[in-house]
Amino acid sequence: MDRGEDAPAQKGDIVTVDYCTLDENGTVSPDDERKDFVFTIGSSRGVYQFDDEIIGMKKGETKEFEKNYPQDYAEAHLAGQAIKFKVSLTALKEKKLPDLDDDLAQDVDEKFNTLEDLKNSIRERLNKNLKTRLRDLKIEKLLQKIMENTPVVLPESMIRAETEGRWRRLAHMYGMDAENMMKLMTHSERAREDIESEWRESIEKALHSRLIVETLIEEQKFDVNEADIEAEFAKIAADNNVDIEEVKKRYQEGRAQEFLTEEIKERKLFELMIAENTFNPGEKQKYLDLMANNG
């Protein structure tokens, strides 16, 4: 629902903004301009997360401000930086939540007849996500222990290739080419070398872990047969609510089925590792904290 022309933006409102970053002279950075960015204030959506800075703005208003990012900010290229922005608020709507009833459940998906059906589906999905997260934490602990006992010297060429791959993945994530991605991340007088230096520890850890997994898979000589592939197709189809034939068609392209086979082998390895080890229960955590904790 549209807010009045003079209504100030507040937490929970849905806003549309045009924004850009500014250099120290107040000049617009051409590689970092965005039109019609829609988000809910308070959701912290997007890389820059300037939700608080636009609270109080009115439709049609333009504002310039500087935002300081903490040293532990999730986006490494912004950590410890002060970025200047120019933001124009072009649309402002009040978020109207629907009533929690059977009609809502049916609007979400026609397969739900009642609100209880919807609640049960959400509960089932949350439990599934929790199970996956706990499994991942066990695997992380096991691999960390193996890495501690099997140090390796990684070739610099391998580290360089993985670093270049990270640039490409970041660029793809934000719909940019690698060159402009580098410009964006180094526009605040941060050298590319500084950013890559910050990445190095996590890259070395990822490569070390990958080498161990590949070695263990080779040693175990896991077999992936047609039944394994068919079961995986069925699982993918069920998880994504699509026809299994559509999944099979997708995996006929390029090396997709080859990659799928390697994923199945990796899963078999992890299942074996978990089955052959015991784990002490950790401290109790809230669900959201556990799911958000990637450390």
C-alpha atoms as a PDB file:
ATOM      1  CA  MET A   1       0.000   0.000   0.000  1.00  0.00           C
ATOM      2  CA  ASP A   2       1.413   3.390  -1.024  1.00  0.00           C
ATOM      3  CA  ARG A   3       2.315   5.770   1.814  1.00  0.00           C
ATOM      4  CA  GLY A   4       1.356   9.430   1.645  1.00  0.00           C
ATOM      5  CA  GLU A   5       3.587  11.817  -0.322  1.00  0.00           C
ATOM      6  CA  ASP A   6       4.968  13.374   2.869  1.00  0.00           C
ATOM      7  CA  ALA A   7       5.232  10.154   4.869  1.00  0.00           C
ATOM      8  CA  PRO A   8       8.752   9.448   6.144  1.00  0.00           C
ATOM      9  CA  ALA A   9      10.291   6.050   5.423  1.00  0.00           C
ATOM     10  CA  GLN A  10      10.328   3.763   8.430  1.00  0.00           C
ATOM     11  CA  LYS A  11      11.440   0.268   9.327  1.00  0.00           C
ATOM     12  CA  GLY A  12       9.309  -2.339   7.571  1.00  0.00           C
ATOM     13  CA  ASP A  13       8.454  -0.119   4.583  1.00  0.00           C
ATOM     14  CA  ILE A  14       9.154  -1.342   1.056  1.00  0.00           C
ATOM     15  CA  VAL A  15      11.255   1.246  -0.771  1.00  0.00           C
ATOM     16  CA  THR A  16      12.634   1.752  -4.261  1.00  0.00           C
ATOM     17  CA  VAL A  17      15.846   3.753  -4.530  1.00  0.00           C
ATOM     18  CA  ASP A  18      18.419   4.878  -7.064  1.00  0.00           C
ATOM     19  CA  TYR A  19      21.892   5.014  -5.576  1.00  0.00           C
ATOM     20  CA  CYS A  20      25.558   5.480  -6.412  1.00  0.00           C
ATOM     21  CA  THR A  21      28.809   5.826  -4.538  1.00  0.00           C
ATOM     22  CA  LEU A  22      30.827   9.049  -4.595  1.00  0.00           C
ATOM     23  CA  ASP A  23      34.564   9.560  -4.587  1.00  0.00           C
ATOM     24  CA  GLU A  24      36.311  12.014  -2.263  1.00  0.00           C
ATOM     25  CA  ASN A  25      35.488  14.878  -4.652  1.00  0.00           C
ATOM     26  CA  GLY A  26      31.788  14.012  -4.703  1.00  0.00           C
ATOM     27  CA  THR A  27      31.966  12.600  -8.233  1.00  0.00           C
ATOM     28  CA  VAL A  28      29.703   9.679  -9.088  1.00  0.00           C
ATOM     29  CA  SER A  29      31.507   6.344  -9.462  1.00  0.00           C
ATOM     30  CA  PRO A  30      30.236   5.122 -12.872  1.00  0.00           C
ATOM     31  CA  ASP A  31      30.939   1.472 -12.092  1.00  0.00           C
ATOM     32  CA  ASP A  32      28.841   1.540  -8.935  1.00  0.00           C
ATOM     33  CA  GLU A  33      25.469   2.998  -9.872  1.00  0.00           C
ATOM     34  CA  ARG A  34      22.138   1.222  -9.498  1.00  0.00           C
ATOM     35  CA  LYS A  35      18.581   2.124 -10.496  1.00  0.00           C
ATOM     36  CA  ASP A  36      15.292   0.832  -9.050  1.00  0.00           C
ATOM     37  CA  PHE A  37      16.754  -1.146  -6.148  1.00  0.00           C
ATOM     38  CA  VAL A  38      13.796  -2.507  -4.153  1.00  0.00           C
ATOM     39  CA  PHE A  39      14.095  -3.747  -0.558  1.00  0.00           C
ATOM     40  CA  THR A  40      12.375  -3.723   2.819  1.00  0.00           C
ATOM     41  CA  ILE A  41      13.915  -1.358   5.365  1.00  0.00           C
ATOM     42  CA  GLY A  42      15.387  -3.448   8.152  1.00  0.00           C
ATOM     43  CA  SER A  43      16.016  -6.493   5.979  1.00  0.00           C
ATOM     44  CA  SER A  44      19.655  -5.453   5.410  1.00  0.00           C
ATOM     45  CA  ARG A  45      19.388  -6.637   1.827  1.00  0.00           C
ATOM     46  CA  GLY A  46      22.210  -5.857  -0.566  1.00  0.00           C
ATOM     47  CA  VAL A  47      25.942  -5.414  -0.220  1.00  0.00           C
ATOM     48  CA  TYR A  48      25.915  -1.928   1.304  1.00  0.00           C
ATOM     49  CA  GLN A  49      23.036  -2.276   3.806  1.00  0.00           C
ATOM     50  CA  PHE A  50      22.197   1.406   4.201  1.00  0.00           C
ATOM     51  CA  ASP A  51      18.747   0.728   5.700  1.00  0.00           C
ATOM     52  CA  ASP A  52      19.196   2.972   8.751  1.00  0.00           C
ATOM     53  CA  GLU A  53      20.503   5.868   6.670  1.00  0.00           C
ATOM     54  CA  ILE A  54      17.304   6.209   4.619  1.00  0.00           C
ATOM     55  CA  ILE A  55      14.866   6.029   7.543  1.00  0.00           C
ATOM     56  CA  GLY A  56      13.048   9.377   7.631  1.00  0.00           C
ATOM     57  CA  MET A  57      13.493  10.104   3.917  1.00  0.00           C
ATOM     58  CA  LYS A  58      10.394  11.003   1.885  1.00  0.00           C
ATOM     59  CA  LYS A  59       9.410   9.990  -1.619  1.00  0.00           C
ATOM     60  CA  GLY A  60      11.284  12.158  -4.138  1.00  0.00           C
ATOM     61  CA  GLU A  61      14.004  13.105  -1.660  1.00  0.00           C
ATOM     62  CA  THR A  62      17.727  12.704  -2.419  1.00  0.00           C
ATOM     63  CA  LYS A  63      20.285  12.369   0.322  1.00  0.00           C
ATOM     64  CA  GLU A  64      24.072  12.148   0.499  1.00  0.00           C
ATOM     65  CA  PHE A  65      25.744  10.441   3.445  1.00  0.00           C
ATOM     66  CA  GLU A  66      28.836   8.555   4.508  1.00  0.00           C
ATOM     67  CA  LYS A  67      28.597   5.072   5.988  1.00  0.00           C
ATOM     68  CA  ASN A  68      31.377   3.520   8.045  1.00  0.00           C
ATOM     69  CA  TYR A  69      31.710  -0.247   7.915  1.00  0.00           C
ATOM     70  CA  PRO A  70      33.165  -2.215  10.864  1.00  0.00           C
ATOM     71  CA  GLN A  71      36.382  -4.171  10.550  1.00  0.00           C
ATOM     72  CA  ASP A  72      34.480  -7.474  10.786  1.00  0.00           C
ATOM     73  CA  TYR A  73      31.899  -6.565   8.115  1.00  0.00           C
ATOM     74  CA  ALA A  74      30.758  -9.619   6.141  1.00  0.00           C
ATOM     75  CA  GLU A  75      31.716  -8.097   2.780  1.00  0.00           C
ATOM     76  CA  ALA A  76      35.514  -8.133   3.072  1.00  0.00           C
ATOM     77  CA  HIS A  77      36.058  -5.394   0.475  1.00  0.00           C
ATOM     78  CA  LEU A  78      34.014  -2.962   2.613  1.00  0.00           C
ATOM     79  CA  ALA A  79      35.400  -3.918   6.033  1.00  0.00           C
ATOM     80  CA  GLY A  80      36.864  -0.891   7.808  1.00  0.00           C
ATOM     81  CA  GLN A  81      35.945   1.438   4.940  1.00  0.00           C
ATOM     82  CA  ALA A  82      34.022   4.734   4.860  1.00  0.00           C
ATOM     83  CA  ILE A  83      31.852   4.943   1.722  1.00  0.00           C
ATOM     84  CA  LYS A  84      29.990   8.014   0.483  1.00  0.00           C
ATOM     85  CA  PHE A  85      26.555   7.497  -1.065  1.00  0.00           C
ATOM     86  CA  LYS A  86      23.961   9.461  -2.972  1.00  0.00           C
ATOM     87  CA  VAL A  87      20.506   7.912  -2.630  1.00  0.00           C
ATOM     88  CA  SER A  88      17.192   8.983  -4.168  1.00  0.00           C
ATOM     89  CA  LEU A  89      13.955   7.541  -2.773  1.00  0.00           C
ATOM     90  CA  THR A  90      11.649   7.009  -5.763  1.00  0.00           C
ATOM     91  CA  ALA A  91       8.867   4.884  -4.254  1.00  0.00           C
ATOM     92  CA  LEU A  92       7.619   4.124  -0.759  1.00  0.00           C
ATOM     93  CA  LYS A  93       5.065   1.513   0.271  1.00  0.00           C
ATOM     94  CA  GLU A  94       3.816   0.270   3.599  1.00  0.00           C
ATOM     95  CA  LYS A  95       4.229  -3.457   4.071  1.00  0.00           C
ATOM     96  CA  LYS A  96       0.795  -4.941   4.751  1.00  0.00           C
ATOM     97  CA  LEU A  97       0.970  -8.433   6.194  1.00  0.00           C
ATOM     98  CA  PRO A  98      -1.900 -10.834   5.347  1.00  0.00           C
ATOM     99  CA  ASP A  99      -4.009 -12.559   7.993  1.00  0.00           C
ATOM    100  CA  LEU A 100      -2.720 -15.907   9.203  1.00  0.00           C
ATOM    101  CA  ASP A 101      -5.535 -18.172   8.044  1.00  0.00           C
ATOM    102  CA  ASP A 102      -6.399 -20.955   5.608  1.00  0.00           C
ATOM    103  CA  ASP A 103      -6.757 -18.450   2.760  1.00  0.00           C
ATOM    104  CA  LEU A 104      -3.133 -17.412   3.241  1.00  0.00           C
ATOM    105  CA  ALA A 105      -1.999 -21.042   3.122  1.00  0.00           C
ATOM    106  CA  GLN A 106      -3.865 -21.589  -0.146  1.00  0.00           C
ATOM    107  CA  ASP A 107      -2.380 -18.399  -1.594  1.00  0.00           C
ATOM    108  CA  VAL A 108       1.130 -19.640  -0.767  1.00  0.00           C
ATOM    109  CA  ASP A 109       0.546 -22.922  -2.616  1.00  0.00           C
ATOM    110  CA  GLU A 110      -2.581 -24.683  -3.768  1.00  0.00           C
ATOM    111  CA  LYS A 111      -1.286 -27.930  -2.232  1.00  0.00           C
ATOM    112  CA  PHE A 112      -2.031 -26.479   1.243  1.00  0.00           C
ATOM    113  CA  ASN A 113      -5.671 -26.746   2.331  1.00  0.00           C
ATOM    114  CA  THR A 114      -5.249 -25.261   5.791  1.00  0.00           C
ATOM    115  CA  LEU A 115      -2.906 -23.027   7.747  1.00  0.00           C
ATOM    116  CA  GLU A 116      -1.830 -26.106   9.714  1.00  0.00           C
ATOM    117  CA  ASP A 117      -0.705 -27.759   6.464  1.00  0.00           C
ATOM    118  CA  LEU A 118       1.489 -24.729   5.741  1.00  0.00           C
ATOM    119  CA  LYS A 119       2.919 -24.720   9.283  1.00  0.00           C
ATOM    120  CA  ASN A 120       3.770 -28.422   9.047  1.00  0.00           C
ATOM    121  CA  SER A 121       5.514 -27.871   5.713  1.00  0.00           C
ATOM    122  CA  ILE A 122       7.589 -25.010   7.147  1.00  0.00           C
ATOM    123  CA  ARG A 123       8.437 -27.097  10.222  1.00  0.00           C
ATOM    124  CA  GLU A 124       9.534 -29.991   8.026  1.00  0.00           C
ATOM    125  CA  ARG A 125      11.750 -27.722   5.934  1.00  0.00           C
ATOM    126  CA  LEU A 126      13.347 -26.152   9.039  1.00  0.00           C
ATOM    127  CA  ASN A 127      14.112 -29.583  10.488  1.00  0.00           C
ATOM    128  CA  LYS A 128      15.638 -30.666   7.186  1.00  0.00           C
ATOM    129  CA  ASN A 129      17.824 -27.538   7.095  1.00  0.00           C
ATOM    130  CA  LEU A 130      18.895 -28.169  10.688  1.00  0.00           C
ATOM    131  CA  LYS A 131      19.866 -31.750   9.915  1.00  0.00           C
ATOM    132  CA  THR A 132      21.942 -30.590   6.934  1.00  0.00           C
ATOM    133  CA  ARG A 133      23.652 -27.890   9.000  1.00  0.00           C
ATOM    134  CA  LEU A 134      24.580 -30.315  11.779  1.00  0.00           C
ATOM    135  CA  ARG A 135      25.964 -32.737   9.195  1.00  0.00           C
ATOM    136  CA  ASP A 136      28.055 -29.961   7.632  1.00  0.00           C
ATOM    137  CA  LEU A 137      29.461 -28.967  11.031  1.00  0.00           C
ATOM    138  CA  LYS A 138      30.523 -32.559  11.715  1.00  0.00           C
ATOM    139  CA  ILE A 139      32.271 -32.751   8.353  1.00  0.00           C
ATOM    140  CA  GLU A 140      34.012 -29.409   8.967  1.00  0.00           C
ATOM    141  CA  LYS A 141      35.324 -30.649  12.329  1.00  0.00           C
ATOM    142  CA  LEU A 142      36.602 -33.911  10.836  1.00  0.00           C
ATOM    143  CA  LEU A 143      38.335 -32.210   7.914  1.00  0.00           C
ATOM    144  CA  GLN A 144      39.887 -29.631  10.237  1.00  0.00           C
ATOM    145  CA  LYS A 145      41.353 -32.419  12.378  1.00  0.00           C
ATOM    146  CA  ILE A 146      42.740 -34.207   9.309  1.00  0.00           C
ATOM    147  CA  MET A 147      44.264 -30.952   8.008  1.00  0.00           C
ATOM    148  CA  GLU A 148      45.978 -30.370  11.343  1.00  0.00           C
ATOM    149  CA  ASN A 149      47.581 -33.829  11.112  1.00  0.00           C
ATOM    150  CA  THR A 150      48.458 -33.658   7.399  1.00  0.00           C
ATOM    151  CA  PRO A 151      50.118 -30.339   6.546  1.00  0.00           C
ATOM    152  CA  VAL A 152      50.732 -29.625   2.868  1.00  0.00           C
ATOM    153  CA  VAL A 153      52.716 -27.103   0.848  1.00  0.00           C
ATOM    154  CA  LEU A 154      50.410 -25.659  -1.801  1.00  0.00           C
ATOM    155  CA  PRO A 155      51.899 -24.598  -5.152  1.00  0.00           C
ATOM    156  CA  GLU A 156      51.665 -20.863  -5.698  1.00  0.00           C
ATOM    157  CA  SER A 157      50.109 -21.540  -9.117  1.00  0.00           C
ATOM    158  CA  MET A 158      47.215 -23.361  -7.440  1.00  0.00           C
ATOM    159  CA  ILE A 159      46.626 -20.491  -5.010  1.00  0.00           C
ATOM    160  CA  ARG A 160      46.751 -18.002  -7.902  1.00  0.00           C
ATOM    161  CA  ALA A 161      44.200 -19.995  -9.920  1.00  0.00           C
ATOM    162  CA  GLU A 162      41.831 -20.195  -6.939  1.00  0.00           C
ATOM    163  CA  THR A 163      42.213 -16.457  -6.305  1.00  0.00           C
ATOM    164  CA  GLU A 164      41.319 -15.648  -9.911  1.00  0.00           C
ATOM    165  CA  GLY A 165      38.362 -17.998  -9.601  1.00  0.00           C
ATOM    166  CA  ARG A 166      37.122 -16.096  -6.557  1.00  0.00           C
ATOM    167  CA  TRP A 167      37.192 -12.835  -8.501  1.00  0.00           C
ATOM    168  CA  ARG A 168      35.140 -14.448 -11.284  1.00  0.00           C
ATOM    169  CA  ARG A 169      32.603 -15.917  -8.862  1.00  0.00           C
ATOM    170  CA  LEU A 170      32.140 -12.569  -7.126  1.00  0.00           C
ATOM    171  CA  ALA A 171      31.670 -10.845 -10.472  1.00  0.00           C
ATOM    172  CA  HIS A 172      29.074 -13.435 -11.530  1.00  0.00           C
ATOM    173  CA  MET A 173      27.241 -13.064  -8.212  1.00  0.00           C
ATOM    174  CA  TYR A 174      26.794  -9.321  -8.705  1.00  0.00           C
ATOM    175  CA  GLY A 175      26.178  -9.467 -12.449  1.00  0.00           C
ATOM    176  CA  MET A 176      29.445  -7.778 -13.399  1.00  0.00           C
ATOM    177  CA  ASP A 177      32.561  -8.694 -15.304  1.00  0.00           C
ATOM    178  CA  ALA A 178      35.726  -9.455 -13.333  1.00  0.00           C
ATOM    179  CA  GLU A 179      37.437  -6.174 -14.301  1.00  0.00           C
ATOM    180  CA  ASN A 180      34.600  -3.980 -13.008  1.00  0.00           C
ATOM    181  CA  MET A 181      34.334  -6.131  -9.904  1.00  0.00           C
ATOM    182  CA  MET A 182      37.971  -5.386  -9.137  1.00  0.00           C
ATOM    183  CA  LYS A 183      37.388  -1.664  -9.715  1.00  0.00           C
ATOM    184  CA  LEU A 184      34.442  -1.716  -7.303  1.00  0.00           C
ATOM    185  CA  MET A 185      36.361  -3.488  -4.580  1.00  0.00           C
ATOM    186  CA  THR A 186      39.455  -1.281  -4.873  1.00  0.00           C
ATOM    187  CA  HIS A 187      37.746   2.102  -5.327  1.00  0.00           C
ATOM    188  CA  SER A 188      38.483   3.185  -1.736  1.00  0.00           C
ATOM    189  CA  GLU A 189      42.267   3.161  -2.132  1.00  0.00           C
ATOM    190  CA  ARG A 190      42.445  -0.528  -1.269  1.00  0.00           C
ATOM    191  CA  ALA A 191      44.916  -2.297  -3.494  1.00  0.00           C
ATOM    192  CA  ARG A 192      44.003  -5.569  -5.150  1.00  0.00           C
ATOM    193  CA  GLU A 193      46.993  -7.135  -3.420  1.00  0.00           C
ATOM    194  CA  ASP A 194      45.592  -6.156   0.005  1.00  0.00           C
ATOM    195  CA  ILE A 195      42.253  -7.831  -0.718  1.00  0.00           C
ATOM    196  CA  GLU A 196      43.911 -10.975  -2.044  1.00  0.00           C
ATOM    197  CA  SER A 197      46.150 -11.066   1.009  1.00  0.00           C
ATOM    198  CA  GLU A 198      43.040 -11.059   3.219  1.00  0.00           C
ATOM    199  CA  TRP A 199      41.609 -13.926   1.169  1.00  0.00           C
ATOM    200  CA  ARG A 200      44.760 -16.052   1.231  1.00  0.00           C
ATOM    201  CA  GLU A 201      44.191 -17.885   4.521  1.00  0.00           C
ATOM    202  CA  SER A 202      40.664 -18.994   3.591  1.00  0.00           C
ATOM    203  CA  ILE A 203      41.804 -19.948   0.071  1.00  0.00           C
ATOM    204  CA  GLU A 204      44.658 -22.077   1.414  1.00  0.00           C
ATOM    205  CA  LYS A 205      42.286 -23.755   3.855  1.00  0.00           C
ATOM    206  CA  ALA A 206      39.758 -24.494   1.088  1.00  0.00           C
ATOM    207  CA  LEU A 207      42.442 -25.946  -1.192  1.00  0.00           C
ATOM    208  CA  HIS A 208      43.930 -28.035   1.611  1.00  0.00           C
ATOM    209  CA  SER A 209      40.482 -29.419   2.435  1.00  0.00           C
ATOM    210  CA  ARG A 210      39.739 -30.138  -1.228  1.00  0.00           C
ATOM    211  CA  LEU A 211      43.012 -32.059  -1.689  1.00  0.00           C
ATOM    212  CA  ILE A 212      42.219 -34.206   1.338  1.00  0.00           C
ATOM    213  CA  VAL A 213      38.698 -34.965   0.102  1.00  0.00           C
ATOM    214  CA  GLU A 214      39.932 -35.855  -3.386  1.00  0.00           C
ATOM    215  CA  THR A 215      42.650 -38.102  -1.949  1.00  0.00           C
ATOM    216  CA  LEU A 216      40.231 -39.936   0.354  1.00  0.00           C
ATOM    217  CA  ILE A 217      37.715 -40.427  -2.461  1.00  0.00           C
ATOM    218  CA  GLU A 218      40.462 -41.925  -4.630  1.00  0.00           C
ATOM    219  CA  GLU A 219      41.626 -44.212  -1.827  1.00  0.00           C
ATOM    220  CA  GLN A 220      38.113 -45.467  -1.084  1.00  0.00           C
ATOM    221  CA  LYS A 221      37.383 -46.142  -4.778  1.00  0.00           C
ATOM    222  CA  PHE A 222      33.696 -45.300  -4.441  1.00  0.00           C
ATOM    223  CA  ASP A 223      31.491 -46.682  -7.187  1.00  0.00           C
ATOM    224  CA  VAL A 224      28.601 -44.634  -8.600  1.00  0.00           C
ATOM    225  CA  ASN A 225      26.171 -46.778 -10.569  1.00  0.00           C
ATOM    226  CA  GLU A 226      23.044 -46.062 -12.585  1.00  0.00           C
ATOM    227  CA  ALA A 227      20.832 -46.563  -9.535  1.00  0.00           C
ATOM    228  CA  ASP A 228      22.777 -43.869  -7.652  1.00  0.00           C
ATOM    229  CA  ILE A 229      22.331 -41.431 -10.548  1.00  0.00           C
ATOM    230  CA  GLU A 230      18.597 -42.180 -10.824  1.00  0.00           C
ATOM    231  CA  ALA A 231      18.132 -41.705  -7.074  1.00  0.00           C
ATOM    232  CA  GLU A 232      19.923 -38.364  -7.265  1.00  0.00           C
ATOM    233  CA  PHE A 233      17.729 -37.244 -10.167  1.00  0.00           C
ATOM    234  CA  ALA A 234      14.635 -38.159  -8.139  1.00  0.00           C
ATOM    235  CA  LYS A 235      15.930 -36.239  -5.104  1.00  0.00           C
ATOM    236  CA  ILE A 236      16.714 -33.118  -7.150  1.00  0.00           C
ATOM    237  CA  ALA A 237      13.266 -33.271  -8.783  1.00  0.00           C
ATOM    238  CA  ALA A 238      11.521 -33.618  -5.409  1.00  0.00           C
ATOM    239  CA  ASP A 239      13.563 -30.856  -3.734  1.00  0.00           C
ATOM    240  CA  ASN A 240      12.833 -28.423  -6.570  1.00  0.00           C
ATOM    241  CA  ASN A 241       9.260 -29.577  -7.276  1.00  0.00           C
ATOM    242  CA  VAL A 242       9.977 -30.275 -10.961  1.00  0.00           C
ATOM    243  CA  ASP A 243       9.476 -33.264 -13.235  1.00  0.00           C
ATOM    244  CA  ILE A 244      12.296 -35.813 -13.136  1.00  0.00           C
ATOM    245  CA  GLU A 245      12.547 -35.803 -16.934  1.00  0.00           C
ATOM    246  CA  GLU A 246      13.307 -32.085 -16.801  1.00  0.00           C
ATOM    247  CA  VAL A 247      16.137 -32.795 -14.368  1.00  0.00           C
ATOM    248  CA  LYS A 248      17.546 -35.542 -16.586  1.00  0.00           C
ATOM    249  CA  LYS A 249      17.470 -33.245 -19.592  1.00  0.00           C
ATOM    250  CA  ARG A 250      19.366 -30.549 -17.685  1.00  0.00           C
ATOM    251  CA  TYR A 251      22.101 -33.021 -16.722  1.00  0.00           C
ATOM    252  CA  GLN A 252      22.655 -34.088 -20.334  1.00  0.00           C
ATOM    253  CA  GLU A 253      24.331 -30.716 -20.984  1.00  0.00           C
ATOM    254  CA  GLY A 254      28.108 -30.403 -20.973  1.00  0.00           C
ATOM    255  CA  ARG A 255      29.846 -32.121 -18.059  1.00  0.00           C
ATOM    256  CA  ALA A 256      26.890 -31.789 -15.685  1.00  0.00           C
ATOM    257  CA  GLN A 257      26.491 -35.527 -15.088  1.00  0.00           C
ATOM    258  CA  GLU A 258      30.225 -35.923 -14.544  1.00  0.00           C
ATOM    259  CA  PHE A 259      30.093 -33.232 -11.839  1.00  0.00           C
ATOM    260  CA  LEU A 260      27.031 -34.906 -10.332  1.00  0.00           C
ATOM    261  CA  THR A 261      28.915 -38.208 -10.119  1.00  0.00           C
ATOM    262  CA  GLU A 262      31.729 -36.499  -8.207  1.00  0.00           C
ATOM    263  CA  GLU A 263      29.183 -34.937  -5.821  1.00  0.00           C
ATOM    264  CA  ILE A 264      27.714 -38.382  -5.104  1.00  0.00           C
ATOM    265  CA  LYS A 265      31.183 -39.791  -4.401  1.00  0.00           C
ATOM    266  CA  GLU A 266      31.880 -36.910  -2.035  1.00  0.00           C
ATOM    267  CA  ARG A 267      28.595 -37.516  -0.221  1.00  0.00           C
ATOM    268  CA  LYS A 268      29.439 -41.204   0.167  1.00  0.00           C
ATOM    269  CA  LEU A 269      32.788 -40.244   1.661  1.00  0.00           C
ATOM    270  CA  PHE A 270      31.193 -37.858   4.154  1.00  0.00           C
ATOM    271  CA  GLU A 271      28.591 -40.455   5.169  1.00  0.00           C
ATOM    272  CA  LEU A 272      31.396 -42.944   5.810  1.00  0.00           C
ATOM    273  CA  MET A 273      33.415 -40.405   7.817  1.00  0.00           C
ATOM    274  CA  ILE A 274      30.439 -39.546  10.021  1.00  0.00           C
ATOM    275  CA  ALA A 275      29.525 -43.218  10.532  1.00  0.00           C
ATOM    276  CA  GLU A 276      33.060 -44.114  11.634  1.00  0.00           C
ATOM    277  CA  ASN A 277      33.479 -41.265  14.128  1.00  0.00           C
ATOM    278  CA  THR A 278      31.783 -40.178  17.338  1.00  0.00           C
ATOM    279  CA  PHE A 279      30.941 -36.589  18.203  1.00  0.00           C
ATOM    280  CA  ASN A 280      30.531 -34.845  21.529  1.00  0.00           C
ATOM    281  CA  PRO A 281      27.418 -32.658  21.773  1.00  0.00           C
ATOM    282  CA  GLY A 282      28.272 -28.972  21.724  1.00  0.00           C
ATOM    283  CA  GLU A 283      26.699 -26.090  23.597  1.00  0.00           C
ATOM    284  CA  LYS A 284      23.033 -25.401  23.041  1.00  0.00           C
ATOM    285  CA  GLN A 285      22.328 -22.723  20.438  1.00  0.00           C
ATOM    286  CA  LYS A 286      19.250 -21.021  19.103  1.00  0.00           C
ATOM    287  CA  TYR A 287      18.200 -22.225  15.663  1.00  0.00           C
ATOM    288  CA  LEU A 288      18.875 -18.922  13.867  1.00  0.00           C
ATOM    289  CA  ASP A 289      22.286 -18.537  15.548  1.00  0.00           C
ATOM    290  CA  LEU A 290      23.305 -22.052  14.509  1.00  0.00           C
ATOM    291  CA  MET A 291      22.154 -21.563  10.919  1.00  0.00           C
ATOM    292  CA  ALA A 292      23.895 -18.178  10.660  1.00  0.00           C
ATOM    293  CA  ASN A 293      27.171 -19.304  12.233  1.00  0.00           C
ATOM    294  CA  ASN A 294      29.600 -20.115   9.429  1.00  0.00           C
ATOM    295  CA  GLY A 295      32.673 -19.962  11.560  1.00  0.00           C
END
